[in-house]
Amino acid sequence: VNELLGTDTIVLGQYDSGSTSGTTFLPNGLAYSNNQLFVQDLDHNRVLVYSNASTIKTNDSATFSLNTQDLFTSGTDSIKGIRAFTTASNKTLVFVTDVTKDTYDCYTSPFSYNQLPSFSVPHFDPVPGNYPLSVAFDTSNLDLYTIDLGTVTKLTHATNYSIPILTYGLNASNPSSKSLSSSNRGFIDCQSNLWIADSGNNRILRFPPNSTTADLVLGQPSFTSNSISQLNGPYSLTMNSACDTLWVCDTWNNRIVQYSYPFYSSMNYSQITLGFSSSNFLKQPVDIAFDQDHSRIWIADYGNSRVISYLINSTMLYPTPVYSTSQPSVTVSPSGSFIPFISHSSSVSASPSTSPTVPVV
């Protein structure tokens, strides 16, 4: 665990191999809010919660599981993306994507074992066959963006998240400023711009408020290209609190890259990179989060079956490495996604006409 930052490094998930306890998991997502770390465990379909996250040490066990009765029980539904947000009233909202029920479930603090969602938002599925993955949430106006394999749907709190306002990515035949291919995670910045990791097109897109046409592309020289010369299957992204630094999980290059303000199309990432093009550090990182003061970074290091965290400091400055432009060997799923660790079940389908009961947040 000392391969980069020594004693400051924290590793979770690499203890008591084979157990379903809170010390082992296969992380496919994570979130951090109000000094709590939330880890989505793909192997056991559960959300592990680490309370008082600022005191976590290597191989600590989770405090509890949000959707199971204990730390030794697997969940019954297939879950995927997780996102946590803190509202103006200091309430923590955790959105968990339930692929089995085809819903985006919201849990509100305080949290406990085997908690029921406060409300569920149906997956509207504008393109049949695209299963739900994650959400982005605008804490300034409570708008919710539900993300599935190829589209993003904007919903508002005023309508109880029951009526689609905008749909992004419907023009998916070729790369363009309007298309999405294997969209995965999103982020809403300080100006309510929507940023999307468009994995299938090896790029990051930024959409201005209330526009389904992107005004900025990262990882590609133009909106119409999808080469792997810079980004290769980026799966997730986040920003710092000032929204002047963007961090991207460049999943198939086994690294995290950073872009710094001012942002402009086709810009290169900065000199700060985390992980290298080998399996001895990061391997298929799929999600990223910061602690409260953005001094510590947390990464879902999927390919190494762990969550790894380290302090952000000057020792992270490295020259930008050069990567091969050859496509790595991956398994393509029947759905067309080349992220091989996504599977899904659609045995239960929620009706888009079902209006959730949404509390005041």
Protein backbone atom coordinates (compact mmCIF):
# COMPACT_ATOMS: atom_id res chain seq x y z
CA VAL A 1 0.00 0.00 0.00
CA ASN A 2 3.04 2.28 0.13
CA GLU A 3 3.58 2.38 -3.61
CA LEU A 4 2.94 6.13 -3.90
CA LEU A 5 2.39 8.08 -0.71
CA GLY A 6 3.64 5.82 2.10
CA THR A 7 2.06 6.08 5.52
CA ASP A 8 -0.60 8.54 4.34
CA THR A 9 -2.14 5.85 2.14
CA ILE A 10 -5.32 4.07 3.31
CA VAL A 11 -6.50 0.81 1.74
CA LEU A 12 -9.89 -0.81 2.35
CA GLY A 13 -11.13 -4.17 1.10
CA GLN A 14 -7.93 -6.24 1.23
CA TYR A 15 -8.40 -8.14 4.47
CA ASP A 16 -9.95 -11.53 5.32
CA SER A 17 -10.23 -12.56 1.67
CA GLY A 18 -13.38 -14.46 0.73
CA SER A 19 -15.51 -13.13 3.56
CA THR A 20 -18.68 -11.15 3.02
CA SER A 21 -17.87 -9.02 6.06
CA GLY A 22 -17.44 -5.26 5.99
CA THR A 23 -13.71 -5.62 5.34
CA THR A 24 -13.88 -7.17 1.86
CA PHE A 25 -15.73 -6.02 -1.21
CA LEU A 26 -15.60 -5.34 -4.95
CA PRO A 27 -16.06 -1.56 -5.22
CA ASN A 28 -17.97 -0.35 -8.25
CA GLY A 29 -18.74 3.08 -6.79
CA LEU A 30 -18.18 5.32 -3.81
CA ALA A 31 -19.29 8.65 -2.38
CA TYR A 32 -18.30 10.93 0.48
CA SER A 33 -20.55 13.37 2.33
CA ASN A 34 -20.77 14.82 5.85
CA ASN A 35 -17.72 12.84 7.03
CA GLN A 36 -19.22 9.56 5.87
CA LEU A 37 -17.79 7.25 3.18
CA PHE A 38 -20.22 5.12 1.17
CA VAL A 39 -18.91 2.15 -0.84
CA GLN A 40 -21.02 0.24 -3.36
CA ASP A 41 -19.99 -3.42 -3.14
CA LEU A 42 -20.77 -5.08 -6.49
CA ASP A 43 -20.00 -8.60 -5.25
CA HIS A 44 -22.57 -8.51 -2.46
CA ASN A 45 -25.09 -5.93 -3.75
CA ARG A 46 -24.79 -3.72 -0.71
CA VAL A 47 -23.78 -0.21 0.34
CA LEU A 48 -21.14 -0.12 3.07
CA VAL A 49 -21.13 2.96 5.28
CA TYR A 50 -18.05 4.20 7.14
CA SER A 51 -19.10 6.71 9.79
CA ASN A 52 -16.58 9.29 11.03
CA ALA A 53 -14.60 8.74 7.83
CA SER A 54 -11.86 11.18 8.81
CA THR A 55 -10.54 8.57 11.27
CA ILE A 56 -10.55 5.55 8.91
CA LYS A 57 -7.42 3.39 8.98
CA THR A 58 -6.25 0.70 6.55
CA ASN A 59 -8.54 -2.38 6.53
CA ASP A 60 -11.05 -0.92 8.96
CA SER A 61 -14.44 -2.59 8.76
CA ALA A 62 -17.49 -0.65 7.66
CA THR A 63 -19.74 0.70 10.41
CA PHE A 64 -22.85 -0.85 8.85
CA SER A 65 -24.53 -1.75 5.57
CA LEU A 66 -27.27 0.55 4.32
CA ASN A 67 -29.37 -2.10 2.58
CA THR A 68 -28.68 -5.36 4.49
CA GLN A 69 -29.31 -6.50 8.04
CA ASP A 70 -25.65 -6.99 8.93
CA LEU A 71 -22.14 -7.01 7.45
CA PHE A 72 -22.31 -10.70 6.53
CA THR A 73 -25.43 -10.66 4.34
CA SER A 74 -25.64 -9.89 0.63
CA GLY A 75 -28.38 -7.69 -0.79
CA THR A 76 -31.11 -9.21 -2.92
CA ASP A 77 -31.27 -6.55 -5.65
CA SER A 78 -28.58 -5.78 -8.20
CA ILE A 79 -27.30 -2.28 -7.43
CA LYS A 80 -24.91 -0.13 -9.42
CA GLY A 81 -24.05 3.57 -9.08
CA ILE A 82 -24.00 5.50 -5.80
CA ARG A 83 -23.91 9.23 -5.17
CA ALA A 84 -24.13 11.26 -1.94
CA PHE A 85 -25.00 14.93 -1.55
CA THR A 86 -25.38 17.38 1.31
CA THR A 87 -28.27 19.84 1.04
CA ALA A 88 -28.47 23.41 2.34
CA SER A 89 -30.23 22.06 5.44
CA ASN A 90 -27.19 19.77 6.08
CA LYS A 91 -29.17 16.65 5.26
CA THR A 92 -27.28 13.89 3.47
CA LEU A 93 -28.95 12.24 0.48
CA VAL A 94 -27.58 8.96 -0.88
CA PHE A 95 -28.84 7.81 -4.28
CA VAL A 96 -28.39 4.12 -5.07
CA THR A 97 -29.27 2.70 -8.48
CA ASP A 98 -31.37 -0.46 -8.18
CA VAL A 99 -31.06 -2.26 -11.51
CA THR A 100 -33.41 -5.07 -10.47
CA LYS A 101 -36.30 -2.69 -9.72
CA ASP A 102 -35.22 -0.23 -12.45
CA THR A 103 -35.22 2.68 -10.01
CA TYR A 104 -32.99 5.29 -8.48
CA ASP A 105 -33.49 5.02 -4.71
CA CYS A 106 -32.85 7.92 -2.33
CA TYR A 107 -31.84 7.30 1.28
CA THR A 108 -31.77 10.24 3.70
CA SER A 109 -29.81 10.69 6.92
CA PRO A 110 -29.60 9.48 9.62
CA PHE A 111 -28.55 6.10 8.22
CA SER A 112 -28.77 2.60 9.66
CA TYR A 113 -28.76 -1.11 8.81
CA ASN A 114 -31.42 -2.36 6.38
CA GLN A 115 -32.79 1.12 5.77
CA LEU A 116 -35.69 1.67 3.40
CA PRO A 117 -35.42 4.36 0.72
CA SER A 118 -37.13 7.66 1.49
CA PHE A 119 -38.34 7.71 -2.11
CA SER A 120 -37.62 6.04 -5.45
CA VAL A 121 -37.43 7.65 -8.88
CA PRO A 122 -38.35 5.44 -11.85
CA HIS A 123 -35.97 4.86 -14.73
CA PHE A 124 -37.68 6.45 -17.73
CA ASP A 125 -35.62 4.52 -20.28
CA PRO A 126 -36.00 6.82 -23.33
CA VAL A 127 -34.04 4.25 -25.34
CA PRO A 128 -35.37 0.75 -24.46
CA GLY A 129 -32.68 -1.58 -23.19
CA ASN A 130 -30.47 1.05 -21.53
CA TYR A 131 -30.31 0.01 -17.88
CA PRO A 132 -29.92 2.62 -15.09
CA LEU A 133 -26.46 3.45 -13.77
CA SER A 134 -26.18 6.56 -11.60
CA VAL A 135 -27.39 10.11 -10.91
CA ALA A 136 -26.11 13.65 -10.75
CA PHE A 137 -27.78 16.11 -8.39
CA ASP A 138 -27.82 19.90 -8.42
CA THR A 139 -27.88 20.94 -4.76
CA SER A 140 -28.57 24.58 -5.72
CA ASN A 141 -32.01 23.89 -7.18
CA LEU A 142 -32.59 20.16 -6.37
CA ASP A 143 -32.68 19.12 -10.03
CA LEU A 144 -31.94 15.43 -10.51
CA TYR A 145 -30.23 13.92 -13.57
CA THR A 146 -30.74 10.17 -13.96
CA ILE A 147 -28.07 8.42 -16.00
CA ASP A 148 -28.45 5.16 -17.89
CA LEU A 149 -26.21 3.36 -20.35
CA GLY A 150 -26.75 5.83 -23.19
CA THR A 151 -28.93 8.75 -22.06
CA VAL A 152 -29.38 11.28 -19.26
CA THR A 153 -32.80 12.50 -18.11
CA LYS A 154 -33.32 15.77 -16.21
CA LEU A 155 -36.06 15.83 -13.54
CA THR A 156 -37.14 18.57 -11.12
CA HIS A 157 -38.13 18.51 -7.47
CA ALA A 158 -41.15 20.70 -8.29
CA THR A 159 -42.73 17.77 -10.17
CA ASN A 160 -41.63 15.12 -7.62
CA TYR A 161 -39.09 13.88 -10.20
CA SER A 162 -41.95 12.33 -12.13
CA ILE A 163 -41.85 14.21 -15.45
CA PRO A 164 -38.79 14.26 -17.74
CA ILE A 165 -37.77 17.84 -18.55
CA LEU A 166 -34.82 17.17 -20.86
CA THR A 167 -33.21 14.09 -22.37
CA TYR A 168 -29.56 14.04 -23.37
CA GLY A 169 -27.87 11.63 -25.76
CA LEU A 170 -30.73 10.60 -28.02
CA ASN A 171 -28.61 11.16 -31.11
CA ALA A 172 -26.20 8.28 -30.49
CA SER A 173 -25.45 6.95 -33.98
CA ASN A 174 -22.10 8.80 -34.30
CA PRO A 175 -20.02 10.96 -31.98
CA SER A 176 -21.34 14.51 -31.88
CA SER A 177 -22.05 17.30 -29.40
CA LYS A 178 -25.45 15.68 -28.76
CA SER A 179 -24.58 11.97 -28.56
CA LEU A 180 -23.67 9.68 -25.67
CA SER A 181 -22.32 6.13 -25.80
CA SER A 182 -22.05 4.11 -22.59
CA SER A 183 -22.52 7.18 -20.40
CA ASN A 184 -21.65 6.32 -16.81
CA ARG A 185 -21.26 9.01 -14.15
CA GLY A 186 -22.01 12.72 -14.05
CA PHE A 187 -21.35 15.84 -12.03
CA ILE A 188 -23.07 19.23 -11.67
CA ASP A 189 -20.62 22.11 -11.26
CA CYS A 190 -21.01 25.47 -9.51
CA GLN A 191 -22.72 27.01 -12.58
CA SER A 192 -25.16 24.08 -12.94
CA ASN A 193 -23.32 22.73 -15.98
CA LEU A 194 -23.70 18.98 -16.44
CA TRP A 195 -20.46 17.03 -16.94
CA ILE A 196 -20.75 13.45 -18.24
CA ALA A 197 -18.21 10.64 -18.56
CA ASP A 198 -19.06 9.41 -22.06
CA SER A 199 -17.12 6.15 -21.81
CA GLY A 200 -18.02 4.66 -25.16
CA ASN A 201 -16.71 7.74 -26.96
CA ASN A 202 -13.60 8.02 -24.73
CA ARG A 203 -14.39 11.57 -23.68
CA ILE A 204 -15.86 13.98 -21.15
CA LEU A 205 -18.70 16.29 -22.22
CA ARG A 206 -19.97 19.48 -20.60
CA PHE A 207 -23.57 20.58 -21.17
CA PRO A 208 -24.67 24.14 -20.27
CA PRO A 209 -27.81 24.49 -18.12
CA ASN A 210 -30.99 23.49 -19.99
CA SER A 211 -29.12 22.53 -23.15
CA THR A 212 -28.77 19.04 -24.62
CA THR A 213 -25.89 20.21 -26.83
CA ALA A 214 -22.45 20.00 -25.25
CA ASP A 215 -20.26 23.09 -25.40
CA LEU A 216 -16.98 21.42 -24.41
CA VAL A 217 -15.25 18.09 -25.02
CA LEU A 218 -12.21 16.67 -23.20
CA GLY A 219 -10.18 13.69 -24.33
CA GLN A 220 -10.89 14.26 -28.02
CA PRO A 221 -9.75 16.83 -30.60
CA SER A 222 -13.37 17.40 -31.66
CA PHE A 223 -16.95 16.35 -30.94
CA THR A 224 -16.91 13.92 -33.87
CA SER A 225 -13.91 11.78 -32.87
CA ASN A 226 -13.70 8.95 -30.32
CA SER A 227 -10.07 7.77 -30.42
CA ILE A 228 -8.21 6.46 -27.37
CA SER A 229 -5.18 8.71 -27.79
CA GLN A 230 -5.82 10.54 -24.50
CA LEU A 231 -8.76 9.11 -22.53
CA ASN A 232 -9.73 5.45 -22.75
CA GLY A 233 -13.14 4.53 -21.37
CA PRO A 234 -13.42 7.24 -18.67
CA TYR A 235 -15.93 6.00 -16.13
CA SER A 236 -16.35 8.74 -13.54
CA LEU A 237 -15.45 12.31 -12.69
CA THR A 238 -15.69 14.88 -9.92
CA MET A 239 -14.63 18.45 -9.14
CA ASN A 240 -13.24 20.33 -6.18
CA SER A 241 -15.48 22.73 -4.27
CA ALA A 242 -14.30 25.74 -6.30
CA CYS A 243 -15.12 23.91 -9.55
CA ASP A 244 -11.75 24.86 -11.02
CA THR A 245 -10.23 21.37 -11.01
CA LEU A 246 -11.73 18.32 -12.71
CA TRP A 247 -10.61 14.79 -11.81
CA VAL A 248 -11.39 11.93 -14.20
CA CYS A 249 -11.19 8.15 -13.77
CA ASP A 250 -9.43 7.23 -17.01
CA THR A 251 -10.46 3.64 -16.42
CA TRP A 252 -8.78 1.67 -19.20
CA ASN A 253 -5.57 3.65 -18.86
CA ASN A 254 -5.54 2.61 -15.16
CA ARG A 255 -5.15 6.14 -13.87
CA ILE A 256 -6.75 9.32 -12.59
CA VAL A 257 -6.09 12.51 -14.57
CA GLN A 258 -6.68 16.12 -13.68
CA TYR A 259 -7.83 19.07 -15.79
CA SER A 260 -7.43 22.61 -14.48
CA TYR A 261 -9.30 25.84 -15.15
CA PRO A 262 -9.67 27.52 -17.62
CA PHE A 263 -11.40 24.63 -19.36
CA TYR A 264 -11.56 24.51 -23.14
CA SER A 265 -12.27 21.83 -25.73
CA SER A 266 -9.51 19.36 -26.59
CA MET A 267 -7.24 20.66 -23.81
CA ASN A 268 -4.73 18.20 -22.39
CA TYR A 269 -4.82 17.02 -18.80
CA SER A 270 -2.39 18.59 -16.36
CA GLN A 271 0.90 17.22 -15.09
CA ILE A 272 -0.77 15.62 -12.08
CA THR A 273 -1.65 11.99 -12.76
CA LEU A 274 -2.40 9.16 -10.36
CA GLY A 275 -1.71 5.58 -11.32
CA PHE A 276 0.19 4.19 -14.23
CA SER A 277 -0.39 1.93 -17.19
CA SER A 278 0.23 -1.24 -15.21
CA SER A 279 -1.59 -3.29 -12.60
CA ASN A 280 0.81 -2.68 -9.74
CA PHE A 281 -0.94 0.52 -8.73
CA LEU A 282 -4.40 1.44 -10.06
CA LYS A 283 -6.27 -1.12 -12.13
CA GLN A 284 -9.55 -0.07 -13.72
CA PRO A 285 -10.40 2.79 -11.31
CA VAL A 286 -14.13 3.39 -11.65
CA ASP A 287 -15.07 6.10 -9.16
CA ILE A 288 -13.57 8.96 -7.20
CA ALA A 289 -14.52 11.24 -4.31
CA PHE A 290 -12.97 13.83 -1.99
CA ASP A 291 -13.29 14.35 1.75
CA GLN A 292 -14.88 17.50 3.16
CA ASP A 293 -11.91 19.85 2.70
CA HIS A 294 -10.62 18.19 -0.49
CA SER A 295 -7.34 17.24 1.14
CA ARG A 296 -7.82 13.48 0.70
CA ILE A 297 -8.89 11.58 -2.40
CA TRP A 298 -10.78 8.25 -2.36
CA ILE A 299 -10.72 5.91 -5.39
CA ALA A 300 -12.75 2.78 -6.17
CA ASP A 301 -9.89 0.68 -7.54
CA TYR A 302 -12.12 -1.96 -9.07
CA GLY A 303 -9.48 -4.15 -10.73
CA ASN A 304 -7.57 -4.47 -7.45
CA SER A 305 -10.76 -5.10 -5.40
CA ARG A 306 -10.08 -2.23 -3.04
CA VAL A 307 -10.73 1.37 -2.14
CA ILE A 308 -7.51 3.37 -1.92
CA SER A 309 -7.10 6.84 -0.47
CA TYR A 310 -4.24 9.25 -0.05
CA LEU A 311 -3.52 12.85 0.78
CA ILE A 312 -3.28 15.34 -2.06
CA ASN A 313 0.10 17.00 -1.83
CA SER A 314 3.20 17.91 -3.80
CA THR A 315 4.43 14.31 -3.99
CA MET A 316 1.66 13.63 -6.51
CA LEU A 317 3.35 15.75 -9.19
CA TYR A 318 4.53 13.56 -12.04
CA PRO A 319 5.35 14.19 -15.70
CA THR A 320 2.49 13.32 -17.99
CA PRO A 321 3.12 9.73 -19.11
CA VAL A 322 2.85 8.56 -22.70
CA TYR A 323 0.41 5.75 -23.40
CA SER A 324 0.02 3.33 -26.21
CA THR A 325 -2.81 4.07 -28.60
CA SER A 326 -3.58 0.38 -29.05
CA GLN A 327 -6.91 -0.84 -27.67
CA PRO A 328 -6.52 -3.01 -24.56
CA SER A 329 -8.15 -6.42 -24.50
CA VAL A 330 -11.61 -6.11 -22.96
CA THR A 331 -14.78 -8.12 -22.79
CA VAL A 332 -17.71 -6.53 -24.57
CA SER A 333 -21.01 -7.14 -22.83
CA PRO A 334 -24.17 -8.08 -24.79
CA SER A 335 -25.50 -4.57 -24.14
CA GLY A 336 -22.61 -3.07 -26.04
CA SER A 337 -20.82 -1.55 -23.07
CA PHE A 338 -17.11 -2.28 -23.02
CA ILE A 339 -16.94 -1.83 -19.24
CA PRO A 340 -16.84 -5.57 -18.45
CA PHE A 341 -17.85 -5.41 -14.80
CA ILE A 342 -21.39 -4.21 -15.44
CA SER A 343 -24.15 -6.76 -15.51
CA HIS A 344 -27.83 -6.22 -15.02
CA SER A 345 -31.23 -7.74 -14.49
CA SER A 346 -34.51 -6.21 -15.53
CA SER A 347 -36.88 -8.72 -13.96
CA VAL A 348 -38.88 -5.93 -12.28
CA SER A 349 -39.70 -2.77 -14.18
CA ALA A 350 -40.96 0.46 -12.63
CA SER A 351 -43.63 2.36 -14.50
CA PRO A 352 -42.57 5.86 -15.58
CA SER A 353 -46.04 7.05 -14.64
CA THR A 354 -45.41 6.22 -10.97
CA SER A 355 -44.78 9.47 -9.06
CA PRO A 356 -42.43 9.15 -6.11
CA THR A 357 -43.25 10.78 -2.82
CA VAL A 358 -40.40 13.23 -2.42
CA PRO A 359 -39.77 14.84 0.97
CA VAL A 360 -38.57 18.38 1.38
CA VAL A 361 -34.78 18.24 1.22
